[in-house]
Amino acid sequence: MRSFTLLALFLTIGISSSLAFGLSGNELLQQLKSYSKRSGLSDEGLLNAGRAYGYIGGVYDSVSSTIKIPQDVTYSQIVAIVQKYLKDNPGMLHRKAHVLVKEAITRAFPEEE
């Protein structure tokens, strides 16, 4: 019930576009650390995981029409791709998160020539 309440609160409050595009790679990676935990999430960890997953999903939806991504790719796979990209590129974490998410996705699914 507590998880449902947090989810409802998050969906009610949402995340504004100005806040979303102001997020840094460092902040996104911190939220993803919560996502990667499989059990024992605190309320804050659960909320961070939901924010990160939703943020990545939103950026993915905004770029998916311009990038050829196989139809069987899931949001969980996209989240894993972005998380790996952020972990593998710590020198870029000061950049805007939406830019890093788009870069991670475009590098994972390069344009075929």
N, C-alpha and C. Protein backbone atom coordinates (compact mmCIF):
# COMPACT_ATOMS: atom_id res chain seq x y z
N MET A 1 0.82 -1.18 0.00
CA MET A 1 0.00 0.00 0.00
C MET A 1 0.87 1.25 0.00
N ARG A 2 1.95 1.22 0.76
CA ARG A 2 2.84 2.37 0.83
C ARG A 2 3.46 2.66 -0.53
N SER A 3 3.84 1.60 -1.26
CA SER A 3 4.40 1.77 -2.60
C SER A 3 3.38 2.40 -3.54
N PHE A 4 2.13 1.95 -3.43
CA PHE A 4 1.08 2.50 -4.27
C PHE A 4 0.87 3.98 -3.96
N THR A 5 0.90 4.34 -2.67
CA THR A 5 0.72 5.73 -2.26
C THR A 5 1.83 6.59 -2.83
N LEU A 6 3.07 6.12 -2.75
CA LEU A 6 4.19 6.87 -3.31
C LEU A 6 4.05 7.03 -4.82
N LEU A 7 3.67 5.96 -5.49
CA LEU A 7 3.50 6.03 -6.93
C LEU A 7 2.40 7.03 -7.29
N ALA A 8 1.29 6.98 -6.56
CA ALA A 8 0.19 7.91 -6.82
C ALA A 8 0.64 9.35 -6.58
N LEU A 9 1.40 9.57 -5.51
CA LEU A 9 1.91 10.91 -5.22
C LEU A 9 2.82 11.39 -6.34
N PHE A 10 3.72 10.52 -6.78
CA PHE A 10 4.63 10.88 -7.86
C PHE A 10 3.87 11.22 -9.14
N LEU A 11 2.89 10.40 -9.47
CA LEU A 11 2.13 10.64 -10.69
C LEU A 11 1.30 11.91 -10.58
N THR A 12 0.82 12.21 -9.38
CA THR A 12 0.04 13.42 -9.18
C THR A 12 0.91 14.66 -9.29
N ILE A 13 2.06 14.62 -8.62
CA ILE A 13 2.96 15.77 -8.64
C ILE A 13 3.67 15.86 -9.98
N GLY A 14 4.14 14.72 -10.46
CA GLY A 14 4.85 14.68 -11.74
C GLY A 14 6.20 15.35 -11.65
N ILE A 15 6.80 15.51 -12.79
CA ILE A 15 8.09 16.18 -12.87
C ILE A 15 7.99 17.18 -14.01
N SER A 16 8.18 18.45 -13.72
CA SER A 16 8.02 19.47 -14.74
C SER A 16 9.12 19.37 -15.77
N SER A 17 8.84 19.86 -16.97
CA SER A 17 9.85 19.77 -18.02
C SER A 17 11.08 20.60 -17.68
N SER A 18 10.89 21.73 -16.99
CA SER A 18 12.05 22.53 -16.63
C SER A 18 12.93 21.78 -15.64
N LEU A 19 12.32 21.06 -14.70
CA LEU A 19 13.09 20.25 -13.76
C LEU A 19 13.73 19.08 -14.49
N ALA A 20 12.99 18.44 -15.37
CA ALA A 20 13.51 17.28 -16.08
C ALA A 20 14.72 17.63 -16.93
N PHE A 21 14.66 18.72 -17.67
CA PHE A 21 15.77 19.08 -18.53
C PHE A 21 16.88 19.78 -17.77
N GLY A 22 16.66 20.10 -16.50
CA GLY A 22 17.70 20.67 -15.66
C GLY A 22 18.48 19.62 -14.90
N LEU A 23 18.06 18.37 -14.98
CA LEU A 23 18.70 17.26 -14.29
C LEU A 23 20.08 17.00 -14.89
N SER A 24 21.07 16.74 -14.03
CA SER A 24 22.41 16.42 -14.52
C SER A 24 22.59 14.91 -14.59
N GLY A 25 23.63 14.49 -15.26
CA GLY A 25 23.96 13.08 -15.32
C GLY A 25 24.25 12.51 -13.94
N ASN A 26 24.89 13.30 -13.07
CA ASN A 26 25.15 12.86 -11.69
C ASN A 26 23.85 12.55 -10.96
N GLU A 27 22.86 13.44 -11.09
CA GLU A 27 21.58 13.24 -10.41
C GLU A 27 20.86 12.02 -10.98
N LEU A 28 20.91 11.85 -12.29
CA LEU A 28 20.26 10.70 -12.90
C LEU A 28 20.92 9.40 -12.46
N LEU A 29 22.25 9.37 -12.41
CA LEU A 29 22.95 8.16 -11.98
C LEU A 29 22.60 7.83 -10.53
N GLN A 30 22.48 8.83 -9.69
CA GLN A 30 22.10 8.60 -8.29
C GLN A 30 20.72 7.95 -8.22
N GLN A 31 19.80 8.43 -9.03
CA GLN A 31 18.46 7.84 -9.07
C GLN A 31 18.51 6.41 -9.59
N LEU A 32 19.37 6.15 -10.57
CA LEU A 32 19.48 4.81 -11.13
C LEU A 32 20.09 3.82 -10.14
N LYS A 33 20.90 4.30 -9.23
CA LYS A 33 21.45 3.40 -8.21
C LYS A 33 20.32 2.78 -7.40
N SER A 34 19.29 3.57 -7.15
CA SER A 34 18.12 3.04 -6.45
C SER A 34 17.41 2.00 -7.31
N TYR A 35 17.33 2.27 -8.61
CA TYR A 35 16.66 1.34 -9.53
C TYR A 35 17.35 -0.01 -9.55
N SER A 36 18.68 -0.01 -9.46
CA SER A 36 19.42 -1.26 -9.60
C SER A 36 19.29 -2.18 -8.39
N LYS A 37 18.83 -1.66 -7.28
CA LYS A 37 18.62 -2.51 -6.10
C LYS A 37 17.36 -3.32 -6.33
N ARG A 38 17.43 -4.61 -6.13
CA ARG A 38 16.30 -5.49 -6.41
C ARG A 38 15.34 -5.66 -5.23
N SER A 39 15.79 -5.40 -4.01
CA SER A 39 14.91 -5.56 -2.87
C SER A 39 15.32 -4.61 -1.77
N GLY A 40 14.42 -4.41 -0.83
CA GLY A 40 14.72 -3.58 0.33
C GLY A 40 14.80 -2.09 0.03
N LEU A 41 14.09 -1.62 -0.98
CA LEU A 41 14.12 -0.19 -1.28
C LEU A 41 13.39 0.59 -0.20
N SER A 42 13.98 1.70 0.20
CA SER A 42 13.30 2.61 1.10
C SER A 42 12.27 3.39 0.29
N ASP A 43 11.45 4.16 0.96
CA ASP A 43 10.49 5.00 0.25
C ASP A 43 11.20 5.95 -0.71
N GLU A 44 12.27 6.55 -0.23
CA GLU A 44 13.04 7.48 -1.07
C GLU A 44 13.67 6.74 -2.26
N GLY A 45 14.20 5.55 -2.00
CA GLY A 45 14.81 4.76 -3.07
C GLY A 45 13.79 4.38 -4.13
N LEU A 46 12.61 3.99 -3.68
CA LEU A 46 11.55 3.64 -4.61
C LEU A 46 11.14 4.84 -5.46
N LEU A 47 11.03 5.99 -4.83
CA LEU A 47 10.66 7.20 -5.56
C LEU A 47 11.75 7.58 -6.55
N ASN A 48 13.02 7.51 -6.14
CA ASN A 48 14.12 7.81 -7.05
C ASN A 48 14.15 6.86 -8.24
N ALA A 49 13.93 5.58 -7.96
CA ALA A 49 13.91 4.60 -9.05
C ALA A 49 12.79 4.93 -10.04
N GLY A 50 11.63 5.26 -9.54
CA GLY A 50 10.51 5.62 -10.41
C GLY A 50 10.79 6.87 -11.22
N ARG A 51 11.40 7.85 -10.59
CA ARG A 51 11.75 9.09 -11.31
C ARG A 51 12.74 8.80 -12.44
N ALA A 52 13.79 8.03 -12.13
CA ALA A 52 14.81 7.73 -13.13
C ALA A 52 14.22 6.94 -14.28
N TYR A 53 13.43 5.92 -13.96
CA TYR A 53 12.81 5.08 -14.99
C TYR A 53 11.88 5.92 -15.87
N GLY A 54 11.08 6.76 -15.24
CA GLY A 54 10.16 7.63 -15.98
C GLY A 54 10.89 8.67 -16.82
N TYR A 55 11.95 9.22 -16.27
CA TYR A 55 12.74 10.21 -16.99
C TYR A 55 13.34 9.61 -18.26
N ILE A 56 13.97 8.46 -18.10
CA ILE A 56 14.58 7.79 -19.25
C ILE A 56 13.51 7.40 -20.26
N GLY A 57 12.37 6.91 -19.77
CA GLY A 57 11.28 6.56 -20.67
C GLY A 57 10.77 7.75 -21.45
N GLY A 58 10.70 8.91 -20.80
CA GLY A 58 10.26 10.13 -21.49
C GLY A 58 11.22 10.57 -22.57
N VAL A 59 12.51 10.54 -22.26
CA VAL A 59 13.52 10.91 -23.28
C VAL A 59 13.48 9.89 -24.41
N TYR A 60 13.39 8.62 -24.05
CA TYR A 60 13.31 7.55 -25.06
C TYR A 60 12.13 7.79 -25.99
N ASP A 61 10.96 8.08 -25.42
CA ASP A 61 9.78 8.33 -26.25
C ASP A 61 9.98 9.52 -27.18
N SER A 62 10.69 10.53 -26.71
CA SER A 62 10.89 11.73 -27.53
C SER A 62 11.87 11.51 -28.68
N VAL A 63 12.75 10.53 -28.56
CA VAL A 63 13.74 10.29 -29.62
C VAL A 63 13.49 9.01 -30.41
N SER A 64 12.55 8.19 -29.96
CA SER A 64 12.37 6.87 -30.59
C SER A 64 11.90 6.96 -32.05
N SER A 65 11.28 8.07 -32.42
CA SER A 65 10.85 8.19 -33.82
C SER A 65 12.01 8.57 -34.75
N THR A 66 13.11 9.05 -34.17
CA THR A 66 14.25 9.45 -34.99
C THR A 66 15.39 8.44 -34.97
N ILE A 67 15.29 7.44 -34.13
CA ILE A 67 16.32 6.41 -34.01
C ILE A 67 15.67 5.06 -34.28
N LYS A 68 16.31 4.26 -35.12
CA LYS A 68 15.75 2.95 -35.43
C LYS A 68 16.11 1.97 -34.30
N ILE A 69 15.09 1.66 -33.50
CA ILE A 69 15.27 0.78 -32.35
C ILE A 69 14.42 -0.46 -32.59
N PRO A 70 14.98 -1.65 -32.42
CA PRO A 70 14.19 -2.87 -32.63
C PRO A 70 12.92 -2.86 -31.78
N GLN A 71 11.84 -3.38 -32.33
CA GLN A 71 10.54 -3.35 -31.66
C GLN A 71 10.50 -4.15 -30.38
N ASP A 72 11.36 -5.15 -30.25
CA ASP A 72 11.32 -6.00 -29.07
C ASP A 72 12.16 -5.48 -27.90
N VAL A 73 12.73 -4.29 -28.04
CA VAL A 73 13.51 -3.69 -26.96
C VAL A 73 12.53 -3.13 -25.92
N THR A 74 12.78 -3.46 -24.66
CA THR A 74 11.89 -3.02 -23.57
C THR A 74 12.45 -1.77 -22.89
N TYR A 75 11.59 -1.10 -22.12
CA TYR A 75 12.05 0.04 -21.34
C TYR A 75 13.13 -0.39 -20.35
N SER A 76 13.00 -1.57 -19.79
CA SER A 76 14.02 -2.05 -18.85
C SER A 76 15.38 -2.16 -19.53
N GLN A 77 15.40 -2.58 -20.78
CA GLN A 77 16.65 -2.66 -21.52
C GLN A 77 17.21 -1.26 -21.78
N ILE A 78 16.33 -0.32 -22.11
CA ILE A 78 16.77 1.05 -22.34
C ILE A 78 17.37 1.62 -21.05
N VAL A 79 16.72 1.39 -19.93
CA VAL A 79 17.23 1.85 -18.64
C VAL A 79 18.60 1.24 -18.37
N ALA A 80 18.76 -0.04 -18.63
CA ALA A 80 20.05 -0.71 -18.42
C ALA A 80 21.14 -0.12 -19.32
N ILE A 81 20.79 0.19 -20.56
CA ILE A 81 21.73 0.81 -21.51
C ILE A 81 22.19 2.16 -20.98
N VAL A 82 21.25 2.96 -20.52
CA VAL A 82 21.57 4.29 -20.01
C VAL A 82 22.40 4.19 -18.73
N GLN A 83 22.04 3.29 -17.84
CA GLN A 83 22.78 3.14 -16.60
C GLN A 83 24.23 2.74 -16.88
N LYS A 84 24.42 1.81 -17.79
CA LYS A 84 25.78 1.39 -18.14
C LYS A 84 26.56 2.55 -18.76
N TYR A 85 25.92 3.31 -19.64
CA TYR A 85 26.58 4.45 -20.28
C TYR A 85 27.03 5.47 -19.24
N LEU A 86 26.16 5.75 -18.28
CA LEU A 86 26.52 6.73 -17.24
C LEU A 86 27.66 6.22 -16.37
N LYS A 87 27.64 4.94 -16.02
CA LYS A 87 28.71 4.37 -15.20
C LYS A 87 30.03 4.33 -15.96
N ASP A 88 29.97 4.06 -17.27
CA ASP A 88 31.18 3.95 -18.09
C ASP A 88 31.77 5.30 -18.49
N ASN A 89 31.02 6.37 -18.27
CA ASN A 89 31.46 7.71 -18.70
C ASN A 89 31.34 8.73 -17.57
N PRO A 90 32.03 8.51 -16.46
CA PRO A 90 31.89 9.42 -15.31
C PRO A 90 32.32 10.86 -15.60
N GLY A 91 33.18 11.05 -16.56
CA GLY A 91 33.64 12.40 -16.90
C GLY A 91 32.59 13.24 -17.59
N MET A 92 31.48 12.65 -17.97
CA MET A 92 30.41 13.39 -18.64
C MET A 92 29.20 13.64 -17.74
N LEU A 93 29.25 13.20 -16.50
CA LEU A 93 28.08 13.26 -15.64
C LEU A 93 27.64 14.68 -15.27
N HIS A 94 28.47 15.67 -15.51
CA HIS A 94 28.07 17.05 -15.25
C HIS A 94 27.14 17.59 -16.34
N ARG A 95 27.06 16.90 -17.45
CA ARG A 95 26.21 17.34 -18.58
C ARG A 95 24.75 17.09 -18.27
N LYS A 96 23.88 17.68 -19.04
CA LYS A 96 22.44 17.51 -18.86
C LYS A 96 22.05 16.06 -19.10
N ALA A 97 21.18 15.56 -18.24
CA ALA A 97 20.79 14.15 -18.29
C ALA A 97 20.09 13.80 -19.60
N HIS A 98 19.23 14.68 -20.12
CA HIS A 98 18.51 14.33 -21.35
C HIS A 98 19.47 14.15 -22.52
N VAL A 99 20.56 14.90 -22.53
CA VAL A 99 21.57 14.76 -23.58
C VAL A 99 22.28 13.41 -23.44
N LEU A 100 22.62 13.04 -22.20
CA LEU A 100 23.30 11.78 -21.96
C LEU A 100 22.42 10.58 -22.27
N VAL A 101 21.14 10.67 -21.94
CA VAL A 101 20.21 9.58 -22.25
C VAL A 101 20.12 9.39 -23.76
N LYS A 102 19.98 10.50 -24.49
CA LYS A 102 19.90 10.42 -25.96
C LYS A 102 21.20 9.83 -26.53
N GLU A 103 22.34 10.27 -26.02
CA GLU A 103 23.62 9.73 -26.50
C GLU A 103 23.72 8.23 -26.24
N ALA A 104 23.31 7.81 -25.06
CA ALA A 104 23.38 6.38 -24.72
C ALA A 104 22.54 5.56 -25.68
N ILE A 105 21.35 6.04 -25.96
CA ILE A 105 20.44 5.31 -26.85
C ILE A 105 20.97 5.31 -28.28
N THR A 106 21.44 6.45 -28.77
CA THR A 106 21.93 6.51 -30.16
C THR A 106 23.20 5.69 -30.34
N ARG A 107 24.03 5.60 -29.31
CA ARG A 107 25.24 4.78 -29.42
C ARG A 107 24.90 3.28 -29.36
N ALA A 108 23.87 2.95 -28.61
CA ALA A 108 23.46 1.55 -28.52
C ALA A 108 22.80 1.08 -29.80
N PHE A 109 22.16 2.00 -30.51
CA PHE A 109 21.46 1.67 -31.75
C PHE A 109 21.91 2.61 -32.86
N PRO A 110 23.18 2.45 -33.31
CA PRO A 110 23.70 3.36 -34.34
C PRO A 110 22.95 3.20 -35.65
N GLU A 111 22.94 4.27 -36.40
CA GLU A 111 22.29 4.27 -37.70
C GLU A 111 23.03 3.33 -38.65
N GLU A 112 22.28 2.44 -39.27
CA GLU A 112 22.89 1.51 -40.22
C GLU A 112 23.08 2.22 -41.55
N GLU A 113 24.21 1.95 -42.17
CA GLU A 113 24.49 2.61 -43.46
C GLU A 113 24.35 1.64 -44.59
